[in-house]
């Protein structure tokens, strides 16, 4: 038998964190968006940020999709572990109950 153990709370925490990161990625197109030369310091730097922003938008979409998938996978894993744990506990309780009934019945027949 395996000695594996799942920390379901940690897996759920991971799912929430991935969702938060995904949301941040989805909301942030260009880190310099809304700033001008006065705030950035030079037109050359502002142009570089704008070029980066255009390229980042493409890659950000891909990263956002992957983060969303990972968040879903970790949530599904935690839900599955919870369900399996609950079903196993129910089966063990039923087996214990059935075992006690069987012992009681055998004792009464003897």
PDB file of N, CA and C in Angstrom:
ATOM      1  N   UNK A   1       0.834  -1.173   0.000  1.00  0.00           N
ATOM      2  CA  UNK A   1       0.000   0.000   0.000  1.00  0.00           C
ATOM      3  C   UNK A   1       0.888   1.249   0.000  1.00  0.00           C
ATOM      4  N   UNK A   2       0.432   2.310  -0.587  1.00  0.00           N
ATOM      5  CA  UNK A   2       1.200   3.545  -0.711  1.00  0.00           C
ATOM      6  C   UNK A   2       1.054   4.420   0.527  1.00  0.00           C
ATOM      7  N   UNK A   3       2.117   5.130   0.846  1.00  0.00           N
ATOM      8  CA  UNK A   3       2.075   6.067   1.964  1.00  0.00           C
ATOM      9  C   UNK A   3       1.905   7.496   1.483  1.00  0.00           C
ATOM     10  N   UNK A   4       1.312   7.659   0.314  1.00  0.00           N
ATOM     11  CA  UNK A   4       1.122   9.002  -0.236  1.00  0.00           C
ATOM     12  C   UNK A   4       0.034   9.734   0.534  1.00  0.00           C
ATOM     13  N   UNK A   5       0.220  11.028   0.645  1.00  0.00           N
ATOM     14  CA  UNK A   5      -0.732  11.860   1.349  1.00  0.00           C
ATOM     15  C   UNK A   5      -0.873  13.165   0.580  1.00  0.00           C
ATOM     16  N   UNK A   6      -2.086  13.623   0.416  1.00  0.00           N
ATOM     17  CA  UNK A   6      -2.326  14.876  -0.309  1.00  0.00           C
ATOM     18  C   UNK A   6      -2.717  15.955   0.687  1.00  0.00           C
ATOM     19  N   UNK A   7      -2.075  17.094   0.592  1.00  0.00           N
ATOM     20  CA  UNK A   7      -2.441  18.245   1.411  1.00  0.00           C
ATOM     21  C   UNK A   7      -3.469  19.042   0.612  1.00  0.00           C
ATOM     22  N   UNK A   8      -4.725  18.710   0.801  1.00  0.00           N
ATOM     23  CA  UNK A   8      -5.800  19.283  -0.002  1.00  0.00           C
ATOM     24  C   UNK A   8      -5.872  20.797   0.174  1.00  0.00           C
ATOM     25  N   UNK A   9      -5.680  21.266   1.383  1.00  0.00           N
ATOM     26  CA  UNK A   9      -5.712  22.722   1.606  1.00  0.00           C
ATOM     27  C   UNK A   9      -4.617  23.418   0.809  1.00  0.00           C
ATOM     28  N   UNK A  10      -3.440  22.800   0.768  1.00  0.00           N
ATOM     29  CA  UNK A  10      -2.317  23.384   0.018  1.00  0.00           C
ATOM     30  C   UNK A  10      -2.608  23.379  -1.487  1.00  0.00           C
ATOM     31  N   UNK A  11      -3.239  22.305  -1.970  1.00  0.00           N
ATOM     32  CA  UNK A  11      -3.594  22.235  -3.383  1.00  0.00           C
ATOM     33  C   UNK A  11      -4.627  23.310  -3.718  1.00  0.00           C
ATOM     34  N   UNK A  12      -5.615  23.508  -2.846  1.00  0.00           N
ATOM     35  CA  UNK A  12      -6.617  24.562  -3.059  1.00  0.00           C
ATOM     36  C   UNK A  12      -5.958  25.955  -3.023  1.00  0.00           C
ATOM     37  N   UNK A  13      -5.013  26.128  -2.100  1.00  0.00           N
ATOM     38  CA  UNK A  13      -4.278  27.392  -2.007  1.00  0.00           C
ATOM     39  C   UNK A  13      -3.528  27.658  -3.317  1.00  0.00           C
ATOM     40  N   UNK A  14      -2.940  26.623  -3.866  1.00  0.00           N
ATOM     41  CA  UNK A  14      -2.226  26.727  -5.138  1.00  0.00           C
ATOM     42  C   UNK A  14      -3.195  27.151  -6.240  1.00  0.00           C
ATOM     43  N   UNK A  15      -4.363  26.556  -6.271  1.00  0.00           N
ATOM     44  CA  UNK A  15      -5.368  26.907  -7.277  1.00  0.00           C
ATOM     45  C   UNK A  15      -5.779  28.371  -7.158  1.00  0.00           C
ATOM     46  N   UNK A  16      -6.010  28.823  -5.924  1.00  0.00           N
ATOM     47  CA  UNK A  16      -6.385  30.237  -5.710  1.00  0.00           C
ATOM     48  C   UNK A  16      -5.251  31.176  -6.125  1.00  0.00           C
ATOM     49  N   UNK A  17      -4.022  30.797  -5.796  1.00  0.00           N
ATOM     50  CA  UNK A  17      -2.869  31.633  -6.157  1.00  0.00           C
ATOM     51  C   UNK A  17      -2.717  31.722  -7.674  1.00  0.00           C
ATOM     52  N   UNK A  18      -2.876  30.601  -8.352  1.00  0.00           N
ATOM     53  CA  UNK A  18      -2.784  30.595  -9.816  1.00  0.00           C
ATOM     54  C   UNK A  18      -3.885  31.458 -10.432  1.00  0.00           C
ATOM     55  N   UNK A  19      -5.067  31.404  -9.855  1.00  0.00           N
ATOM     56  CA  UNK A  19      -6.163  32.240 -10.346  1.00  0.00           C
ATOM     57  C   UNK A  19      -5.835  33.714 -10.140  1.00  0.00           C
ATOM     58  N   UNK A  20      -5.249  34.049  -8.997  1.00  0.00           N
ATOM     59  CA  UNK A  20      -4.852  35.437  -8.740  1.00  0.00           C
ATOM     60  C   UNK A  20      -3.787  35.916  -9.715  1.00  0.00           C
ATOM     61  N   UNK A  21      -2.817  35.069  -9.981  1.00  0.00           N
ATOM     62  CA  UNK A  21      -1.764  35.424 -10.941  1.00  0.00           C
ATOM     63  C   UNK A  21      -2.371  35.595 -12.320  1.00  0.00           C
ATOM     64  N   UNK A  22      -3.261  34.688 -12.678  1.00  0.00           N
ATOM     65  CA  UNK A  22      -3.944  34.775 -13.977  1.00  0.00           C
ATOM     66  C   UNK A  22      -4.702  36.091 -14.102  1.00  0.00           C
ATOM     67  N   UNK A  23      -5.416  36.466 -13.054  1.00  0.00           N
ATOM     68  CA  UNK A  23      -6.167  37.727 -13.076  1.00  0.00           C
ATOM     69  C   UNK A  23      -5.236  38.925 -13.240  1.00  0.00           C
ATOM     70  N   UNK A  24      -4.100  38.883 -12.564  1.00  0.00           N
ATOM     71  CA  UNK A  24      -3.127  39.962 -12.678  1.00  0.00           C
ATOM     72  C   UNK A  24      -2.584  40.041 -14.104  1.00  0.00           C
ATOM     73  N   UNK A  25      -2.253  38.900 -14.674  1.00  0.00           N
ATOM     74  CA  UNK A  25      -1.776  38.874 -16.059  1.00  0.00           C
ATOM     75  C   UNK A  25      -2.841  39.419 -17.003  1.00  0.00           C
ATOM     76  N   UNK A  26      -4.076  39.047 -16.796  1.00  0.00           N
ATOM     77  CA  UNK A  26      -5.158  39.465 -17.697  1.00  0.00           C
ATOM     78  C   UNK A  26      -5.383  40.970 -17.635  1.00  0.00           C
ATOM     79  N   UNK A  27      -5.120  41.572 -16.480  1.00  0.00           N
ATOM     80  CA  UNK A  27      -5.399  43.001 -16.294  1.00  0.00           C
ATOM     81  C   UNK A  27      -4.237  43.924 -16.663  1.00  0.00           C
ATOM     82  N   UNK A  28      -3.035  43.383 -16.762  1.00  0.00           N
ATOM     83  CA  UNK A  28      -1.854  44.232 -16.962  1.00  0.00           C
ATOM     84  C   UNK A  28      -1.259  44.042 -18.351  1.00  0.00           C
ATOM     85  N   UNK A  29      -1.576  44.942 -19.264  1.00  0.00           N
ATOM     86  CA  UNK A  29      -1.050  44.835 -20.627  1.00  0.00           C
ATOM     87  C   UNK A  29       0.369  45.378 -20.709  1.00  0.00           C
ATOM     88  N   UNK A  30       0.565  46.577 -20.223  1.00  0.00           N
ATOM     89  CA  UNK A  30       1.846  47.254 -20.353  1.00  0.00           C
ATOM     90  C   UNK A  30       2.145  47.926 -19.017  1.00  0.00           C
ATOM     91  N   UNK A  31       3.267  47.583 -18.394  1.00  0.00           N
ATOM     92  CA  UNK A  31       3.560  48.170 -17.085  1.00  0.00           C
ATOM     93  C   UNK A  31       3.687  49.692 -17.109  1.00  0.00           C
ATOM     94  N   UNK A  32       3.926  50.276 -18.264  1.00  0.00           N
ATOM     95  CA  UNK A  32       4.063  51.732 -18.365  1.00  0.00           C
ATOM     96  C   UNK A  32       2.784  52.390 -18.881  1.00  0.00           C
ATOM     97  N   UNK A  33       1.731  51.608 -19.045  1.00  0.00           N
ATOM     98  CA  UNK A  33       0.481  52.154 -19.569  1.00  0.00           C
ATOM     99  C   UNK A  33      -0.035  53.287 -18.683  1.00  0.00           C
ATOM    100  N   UNK A  34      -0.406  54.373 -19.322  1.00  0.00           N
ATOM    101  CA  UNK A  34      -0.917  55.516 -18.585  1.00  0.00           C
ATOM    102  C   UNK A  34       0.152  56.515 -18.180  1.00  0.00           C
ATOM    103  N   UNK A  35       1.401  56.186 -18.417  1.00  0.00           N
ATOM    104  CA  UNK A  35       2.491  57.090 -18.081  1.00  0.00           C
ATOM    105  C   UNK A  35       3.017  57.764 -19.341  1.00  0.00           C
ATOM    106  N   UNK A  36       3.536  58.931 -19.173  1.00  0.00           N
ATOM    107  CA  UNK A  36       4.127  59.674 -20.282  1.00  0.00           C
ATOM    108  C   UNK A  36       5.609  59.863 -20.079  1.00  0.00           C
ATOM    109  N   UNK A  37       6.192  60.673 -20.958  1.00  0.00           N
ATOM    110  CA  UNK A  37       7.633  60.949 -20.891  1.00  0.00           C
ATOM    111  C   UNK A  37       7.999  61.552 -19.536  1.00  0.00           C
ATOM    112  N   UNK A  38       7.121  62.388 -18.999  1.00  0.00           N
ATOM    113  CA  UNK A  38       7.404  63.029 -17.715  1.00  0.00           C
ATOM    114  C   UNK A  38       7.607  62.023 -16.589  1.00  0.00           C
ATOM    115  N   UNK A  39       6.798  60.984 -16.576  1.00  0.00           N
ATOM    116  CA  UNK A  39       6.908  59.973 -15.509  1.00  0.00           C
ATOM    117  C   UNK A  39       8.008  58.950 -15.813  1.00  0.00           C
ATOM    118  N   UNK A  40       8.146  58.580 -17.086  1.00  0.00           N
ATOM    119  CA  UNK A  40       9.114  57.546 -17.472  1.00  0.00           C
ATOM    120  C   UNK A  40      10.524  58.113 -17.560  1.00  0.00           C
ATOM    121  N   UNK A  41      10.648  59.340 -18.048  1.00  0.00           N
ATOM    122  CA  UNK A  41      11.964  59.973 -18.083  1.00  0.00           C
ATOM    123  C   UNK A  41      12.517  60.210 -19.476  1.00  0.00           C
ATOM    124  N   UNK A  42      12.121  59.400 -20.450  1.00  0.00           N
ATOM    125  CA  UNK A  42      12.612  59.636 -21.803  1.00  0.00           C
ATOM    126  C   UNK A  42      11.659  59.004 -22.815  1.00  0.00           C
ATOM    127  N   UNK A  43      11.630  59.599 -23.995  1.00  0.00           N
ATOM    128  CA  UNK A  43      10.783  59.068 -25.065  1.00  0.00           C
ATOM    129  C   UNK A  43      11.289  57.705 -25.520  1.00  0.00           C
ATOM    130  N   UNK A  44      12.601  57.557 -25.530  1.00  0.00           N
ATOM    131  CA  UNK A  44      13.187  56.286 -25.952  1.00  0.00           C
ATOM    132  C   UNK A  44      12.734  55.146 -25.029  1.00  0.00           C
ATOM    133  N   UNK A  45      12.746  55.390 -23.747  1.00  0.00           N
ATOM    134  CA  UNK A  45      12.306  54.392 -22.779  1.00  0.00           C
ATOM    135  C   UNK A  45      10.807  54.152 -22.911  1.00  0.00           C
ATOM    136  N   UNK A  46      10.046  55.204 -23.109  1.00  0.00           N
ATOM    137  CA  UNK A  46       8.600  55.076 -23.303  1.00  0.00           C
ATOM    138  C   UNK A  46       8.303  54.245 -24.556  1.00  0.00           C
ATOM    139  N   UNK A  47       9.037  54.492 -25.636  1.00  0.00           N
ATOM    140  CA  UNK A  47       8.862  53.715 -26.873  1.00  0.00           C
ATOM    141  C   UNK A  47       9.190  52.237 -26.629  1.00  0.00           C
ATOM    142  N   UNK A  48      10.238  51.984 -25.869  1.00  0.00           N
ATOM    143  CA  UNK A  48      10.616  50.602 -25.562  1.00  0.00           C
ATOM    144  C   UNK A  48       9.509  49.904 -24.770  1.00  0.00           C
ATOM    145  N   UNK A  49       8.925  50.623 -23.813  1.00  0.00           N
ATOM    146  CA  UNK A  49       7.818  50.053 -23.042  1.00  0.00           C
ATOM    147  C   UNK A  49       6.609  49.769 -23.935  1.00  0.00           C
ATOM    148  N   UNK A  50       6.349  50.662 -24.885  1.00  0.00           N
ATOM    149  CA  UNK A  50       5.210  50.453 -25.780  1.00  0.00           C
ATOM    150  C   UNK A  50       5.445  49.249 -26.682  1.00  0.00           C
ATOM    151  N   UNK A  51       6.666  49.103 -27.167  1.00  0.00           N
ATOM    152  CA  UNK A  51       7.001  47.938 -27.989  1.00  0.00           C
ATOM    153  C   UNK A  51       6.875  46.668 -27.147  1.00  0.00           C
ATOM    154  N   UNK A  52       7.404  46.730 -25.948  1.00  0.00           N
ATOM    155  CA  UNK A  52       7.285  45.602 -25.026  1.00  0.00           C
ATOM    156  C   UNK A  52       5.818  45.282 -24.770  1.00  0.00           C
ATOM    157  N   UNK A  53       5.003  46.315 -24.564  1.00  0.00           N
ATOM    158  CA  UNK A  53       3.580  46.129 -24.281  1.00  0.00           C
ATOM    159  C   UNK A  53       2.869  45.394 -25.398  1.00  0.00           C
ATOM    160  N   UNK A  54       3.182  45.711 -26.633  1.00  0.00           N
ATOM    161  CA  UNK A  54       2.558  45.037 -27.773  1.00  0.00           C
ATOM    162  C   UNK A  54       2.947  43.560 -27.807  1.00  0.00           C
ATOM    163  N   UNK A  55       4.235  43.293 -27.650  1.00  0.00           N
ATOM    164  CA  UNK A  55       4.724  41.919 -27.635  1.00  0.00           C
ATOM    165  C   UNK A  55       4.190  41.169 -26.412  1.00  0.00           C
ATOM    166  N   UNK A  56       4.184  41.838 -25.282  1.00  0.00           N
ATOM    167  CA  UNK A  56       3.729  41.242 -24.032  1.00  0.00           C
ATOM    168  C   UNK A  56       2.265  40.853 -24.131  1.00  0.00           C
ATOM    169  N   UNK A  57       1.467  41.644 -24.821  1.00  0.00           N
ATOM    170  CA  UNK A  57       0.037  41.358 -24.954  1.00  0.00           C
ATOM    171  C   UNK A  57      -0.186  39.987 -25.593  1.00  0.00           C
ATOM    172  N   UNK A  58       0.602  39.666 -26.603  1.00  0.00           N
ATOM    173  CA  UNK A  58       0.495  38.374 -27.279  1.00  0.00           C
ATOM    174  C   UNK A  58       0.864  37.241 -26.318  1.00  0.00           C
ATOM    175  N   UNK A  59       2.011  37.368 -25.679  1.00  0.00           N
ATOM    176  CA  UNK A  59       2.495  36.317 -24.775  1.00  0.00           C
ATOM    177  C   UNK A  59       1.664  36.250 -23.493  1.00  0.00           C
ATOM    178  N   UNK A  60       1.183  37.369 -23.052  1.00  0.00           N
ATOM    179  CA  UNK A  60       0.364  37.410 -21.846  1.00  0.00           C
ATOM    180  C   UNK A  60      -0.901  36.587 -22.030  1.00  0.00           C
ATOM    181  N   UNK A  61      -1.501  36.650 -23.221  1.00  0.00           N
ATOM    182  CA  UNK A  61      -2.697  35.865 -23.506  1.00  0.00           C
ATOM    183  C   UNK A  61      -2.427  34.371 -23.386  1.00  0.00           C
ATOM    184  N   UNK A  62      -1.289  33.944 -23.912  1.00  0.00           N
ATOM    185  CA  UNK A  62      -0.920  32.527 -23.825  1.00  0.00           C
ATOM    186  C   UNK A  62      -0.672  32.118 -22.368  1.00  0.00           C
ATOM    187  N   UNK A  63       0.056  32.962 -21.651  1.00  0.00           N
ATOM    188  CA  UNK A  63       0.328  32.673 -20.240  1.00  0.00           C
ATOM    189  C   UNK A  63      -0.962  32.643 -19.427  1.00  0.00           C
ATOM    190  N   UNK A  64      -1.868  33.546 -19.718  1.00  0.00           N
ATOM    191  CA  UNK A  64      -3.140  33.605 -19.016  1.00  0.00           C
ATOM    192  C   UNK A  64      -3.918  32.311 -19.217  1.00  0.00           C
ATOM    193  N   UNK A  65      -3.938  31.818 -20.449  1.00  0.00           N
ATOM    194  CA  UNK A  65      -4.631  30.556 -20.733  1.00  0.00           C
ATOM    195  C   UNK A  65      -4.012  29.402 -19.958  1.00  0.00           C
ATOM    196  N   UNK A  66      -2.689  29.336 -19.943  1.00  0.00           N
ATOM    197  CA  UNK A  66      -2.002  28.248 -19.236  1.00  0.00           C
ATOM    198  C   UNK A  66      -2.238  28.329 -17.726  1.00  0.00           C
ATOM    199  N   UNK A  67      -2.203  29.537 -17.181  1.00  0.00           N
ATOM    200  CA  UNK A  67      -2.465  29.702 -15.749  1.00  0.00           C
ATOM    201  C   UNK A  67      -3.893  29.285 -15.408  1.00  0.00           C
ATOM    202  N   UNK A  68      -4.822  29.610 -16.276  1.00  0.00           N
ATOM    203  CA  UNK A  68      -6.217  29.224 -16.056  1.00  0.00           C
ATOM    204  C   UNK A  68      -6.354  27.696 -16.075  1.00  0.00           C
ATOM    205  N   UNK A  69      -5.666  27.040 -17.001  1.00  0.00           N
ATOM    206  CA  UNK A  69      -5.690  25.575 -17.061  1.00  0.00           C
ATOM    207  C   UNK A  69      -5.113  24.967 -15.783  1.00  0.00           C
ATOM    208  N   UNK A  70      -3.968  25.492 -15.352  1.00  0.00           N
ATOM    209  CA  UNK A  70      -3.334  24.966 -14.136  1.00  0.00           C
ATOM    210  C   UNK A  70      -4.206  25.181 -12.900  1.00  0.00           C
ATOM    211  N   UNK A  71      -4.842  26.325 -12.823  1.00  0.00           N
ATOM    212  CA  UNK A  71      -5.745  26.584 -11.697  1.00  0.00           C
ATOM    213  C   UNK A  71      -6.897  25.585 -11.714  1.00  0.00           C
ATOM    214  N   UNK A  72      -7.424  25.310 -12.889  1.00  0.00           N
ATOM    215  CA  UNK A  72      -8.505  24.334 -13.012  1.00  0.00           C
ATOM    216  C   UNK A  72      -8.058  22.926 -12.644  1.00  0.00           C
ATOM    217  N   UNK A  73      -6.865  22.558 -13.072  1.00  0.00           N
ATOM    218  CA  UNK A  73      -6.337  21.224 -12.772  1.00  0.00           C
ATOM    219  C   UNK A  73      -6.158  21.055 -11.266  1.00  0.00           C
ATOM    220  N   UNK A  74      -5.585  22.051 -10.608  1.00  0.00           N
ATOM    221  CA  UNK A  74      -5.357  21.928  -9.166  1.00  0.00           C
ATOM    222  C   UNK A  74      -6.676  21.932  -8.392  1.00  0.00           C
ATOM    223  N   UNK A  75      -7.652  22.710  -8.845  1.00  0.00           N
ATOM    224  CA  UNK A  75      -8.966  22.705  -8.189  1.00  0.00           C
ATOM    225  C   UNK A  75      -9.633  21.353  -8.362  1.00  0.00           C
ATOM    226  N   UNK A  76      -9.582  20.802  -9.565  1.00  0.00           N
ATOM    227  CA  UNK A  76     -10.166  19.490  -9.825  1.00  0.00           C
ATOM    228  C   UNK A  76      -9.475  18.414  -8.983  1.00  0.00           C
ATOM    229  N   UNK A  77      -8.161  18.517  -8.861  1.00  0.00           N
ATOM    230  CA  UNK A  77      -7.417  17.547  -8.044  1.00  0.00           C
ATOM    231  C   UNK A  77      -7.882  17.608  -6.593  1.00  0.00           C
ATOM    232  N   UNK A  78      -7.984  18.808  -6.037  1.00  0.00           N
ATOM    233  CA  UNK A  78      -8.419  18.953  -4.645  1.00  0.00           C
ATOM    234  C   UNK A  78      -9.843  18.427  -4.468  1.00  0.00           C
ATOM    235  N   UNK A  79     -10.724  18.764  -5.400  1.00  0.00           N
ATOM    236  CA  UNK A  79     -12.108  18.280  -5.325  1.00  0.00           C
ATOM    237  C   UNK A  79     -12.152  16.750  -5.398  1.00  0.00           C
ATOM    238  N   UNK A  80     -11.336  16.174  -6.271  1.00  0.00           N
ATOM    239  CA  UNK A  80     -11.296  14.713  -6.421  1.00  0.00           C
ATOM    240  C   UNK A  80     -10.772  14.042  -5.159  1.00  0.00           C
ATOM    241  N   UNK A  81      -9.706  14.608  -4.573  1.00  0.00           N
ATOM    242  CA  UNK A  81      -9.185  14.052  -3.322  1.00  0.00           C
ATOM    243  C   UNK A  81     -10.240  14.131  -2.219  1.00  0.00           C
ATOM    244  N   UNK A  82     -10.935  15.256  -2.126  1.00  0.00           N
ATOM    245  CA  UNK A  82     -12.001  15.402  -1.127  1.00  0.00           C
ATOM    246  C   UNK A  82     -13.082  14.343  -1.321  1.00  0.00           C
ATOM    247  N   UNK A  83     -13.522  14.178  -2.559  1.00  0.00           N
ATOM    248  CA  UNK A  83     -14.586  13.209  -2.859  1.00  0.00           C
ATOM    249  C   UNK A  83     -14.128  11.794  -2.533  1.00  0.00           C
ATOM    250  N   UNK A  84     -12.919  11.450  -2.955  1.00  0.00           N
ATOM    251  CA  UNK A  84     -12.387  10.116  -2.689  1.00  0.00           C
ATOM    252  C   UNK A  84     -12.265   9.866  -1.190  1.00  0.00           C
ATOM    253  N   UNK A  85     -11.768  10.854  -0.461  1.00  0.00           N
ATOM    254  CA  UNK A  85     -11.623  10.733   0.982  1.00  0.00           C
ATOM    255  C   UNK A  85     -12.983  10.516   1.641  1.00  0.00           C
ATOM    256  N   UNK A  86     -13.973  11.268   1.210  1.00  0.00           N
ATOM    257  CA  UNK A  86     -15.323  11.141   1.764  1.00  0.00           C
ATOM    258  C   UNK A  86     -15.903   9.753   1.459  1.00  0.00           C
ATOM    259  N   UNK A  87     -15.758   9.300   0.212  1.00  0.00           N
ATOM    260  CA  UNK A  87     -16.289   7.994  -0.175  1.00  0.00           C
ATOM    261  C   UNK A  87     -15.592   6.863   0.575  1.00  0.00           C
ATOM    262  N   UNK A  88     -14.292   6.968   0.756  1.00  0.00           N
ATOM    263  CA  UNK A  88     -13.555   5.961   1.497  1.00  0.00           C
ATOM    264  C   UNK A  88     -13.997   5.929   2.962  1.00  0.00           C
ATOM    265  N   UNK A  89     -14.147   7.101   3.552  1.00  0.00           N
ATOM    266  CA  UNK A  89     -14.597   7.164   4.944  1.00  0.00           C
ATOM    267  C   UNK A  89     -15.990   6.551   5.096  1.00  0.00           C
ATOM    268  N   UNK A  90     -16.881   6.840   4.154  1.00  0.00           N
ATOM    269  CA  UNK A  90     -18.230   6.267   4.192  1.00  0.00           C
ATOM    270  C   UNK A  90     -18.171   4.742   4.071  1.00  0.00           C
ATOM    271  N   UNK A  91     -17.346   4.249   3.155  1.00  0.00           N
ATOM    272  CA  UNK A  91     -17.218   2.801   2.961  1.00  0.00           C
ATOM    273  C   UNK A  91     -16.666   2.130   4.215  1.00  0.00           C
ATOM    274  N   UNK A  92     -15.680   2.753   4.849  1.00  0.00           N
ATOM    275  CA  UNK A  92     -15.113   2.184   6.074  1.00  0.00           C
ATOM    276  C   UNK A  92     -16.124   2.193   7.220  1.00  0.00           C
ATOM    277  N   UNK A  93     -16.890   3.286   7.341  1.00  0.00           N
ATOM    278  CA  UNK A  93     -17.928   3.338   8.380  1.00  0.00           C
ATOM    279  C   UNK A  93     -18.972   2.241   8.142  1.00  0.00           C
ATOM    280  N   UNK A  94     -19.357   2.055   6.895  1.00  0.00           N
ATOM    281  CA  UNK A  94     -20.349   1.024   6.558  1.00  0.00           C
ATOM    282  C   UNK A  94     -19.785  -0.360   6.864  1.00  0.00           C
ATOM    283  N   UNK A  95     -18.525  -0.587   6.508  1.00  0.00           N
ATOM    284  CA  UNK A  95     -17.899  -1.882   6.785  1.00  0.00           C
ATOM    285  C   UNK A  95     -17.829  -2.140   8.289  1.00  0.00           C
ATOM    286  N   UNK A  96     -17.492  -1.114   9.060  1.00  0.00           N
ATOM    287  CA  UNK A  96     -17.450  -1.255  10.519  1.00  0.00           C
ATOM    288  C   UNK A  96     -18.835  -1.585  11.065  1.00  0.00           C
ATOM    289  N   UNK A  97     -19.829  -0.884  10.566  1.00  0.00           N
ATOM    290  CA  UNK A  97     -21.207  -1.094  11.018  1.00  0.00           C
ATOM    291  C   UNK A  97     -21.675  -2.504  10.650  1.00  0.00           C
ATOM    292  N   UNK A  98     -21.405  -2.919   9.405  1.00  0.00           N
ATOM    293  CA  UNK A  98     -21.788  -4.259   8.956  1.00  0.00           C
ATOM    294  C   UNK A  98     -21.042  -5.329   9.739  1.00  0.00           C
ATOM    295  N   UNK A  99     -19.785  -5.072  10.059  1.00  0.00           N
ATOM    296  CA  UNK A  99     -18.987  -6.014  10.841  1.00  0.00           C
ATOM    297  C   UNK A  99     -19.524  -6.185  12.250  1.00  0.00           C
ATOM    298  N   UNK A 100     -19.949  -5.099  12.852  1.00  0.00           N
ATOM    299  CA  UNK A 100     -20.521  -5.163  14.205  1.00  0.00           C
ATOM    300  C   UNK A 100     -21.838  -5.919  14.188  1.00  0.00           C
ATOM    301  N   UNK A 101     -22.649  -5.696  13.150  1.00  0.00           N
ATOM    302  CA  UNK A 101     -23.923  -6.426  13.033  1.00  0.00           C
ATOM    303  C   UNK A 101     -23.667  -7.919  12.888  1.00  0.00           C
ATOM    304  N   UNK A 102     -22.682  -8.252  12.044  1.00  0.00           N
ATOM    305  CA  UNK A 102     -22.364  -9.660  11.806  1.00  0.00           C
ATOM    306  C   UNK A 102     -21.860 -10.321  13.085  1.00  0.00           C
ATOM    307  N   UNK A 103     -21.052  -9.643  13.857  1.00  0.00           N
ATOM    308  CA  UNK A 103     -20.547 -10.195  15.118  1.00  0.00           C
ATOM    309  C   UNK A 103     -21.694 -10.385  16.100  1.00  0.00           C
ATOM    310  N   UNK A 104     -22.590  -9.398  16.143  1.00  0.00           N
ATOM    311  CA  UNK A 104     -23.750  -9.486  17.036  1.00  0.00           C
ATOM    312  C   UNK A 104     -24.665 -10.628  16.643  1.00  0.00           C
ATOM    313  N   UNK A 105     -24.834 -10.837  15.383  1.00  0.00           N
ATOM    314  CA  UNK A 105     -25.691 -11.916  14.877  1.00  0.00           C
ATOM    315  C   UNK A 105     -25.068 -13.272  15.165  1.00  0.00           C
ATOM    316  N   UNK A 106     -23.769 -13.406  14.948  1.00  0.00           N
ATOM    317  CA  UNK A 106     -23.082 -14.670  15.197  1.00  0.00           C
ATOM    318  C   UNK A 106     -23.134 -15.017  16.676  1.00  0.00           C
ATOM    319  N   UNK A 107     -22.951 -14.015  17.515  1.00  0.00           N
ATOM    320  CA  UNK A 107     -22.984 -14.257  18.965  1.00  0.00           C
ATOM    321  C   UNK A 107     -24.360 -14.693  19.416  1.00  0.00           C
ATOM    322  N   UNK A 108     -25.425 -14.192  18.798  1.00  0.00           N
ATOM    323  CA  UNK A 108     -26.791 -14.522  19.197  1.00  0.00           C
ATOM    324  C   UNK A 108     -27.135 -15.938  18.770  1.00  0.00           C
ATOM    325  N   UNK A 109     -26.578 -16.438  17.656  1.00  0.00           N
ATOM    326  CA  UNK A 109     -26.885 -17.778  17.150  1.00  0.00           C
ATOM    327  C   UNK A 109     -26.197 -18.845  17.984  1.00  0.00           C
ATOM    328  N   UNK A 110     -25.078 -18.525  18.587  1.00  0.00           N
ATOM    329  CA  UNK A 110     -24.301 -19.541  19.313  1.00  0.00           C
ATOM    330  C   UNK A 110     -24.829 -19.786  20.666  1.00  0.00           C
TER     331      UNK A 110
END
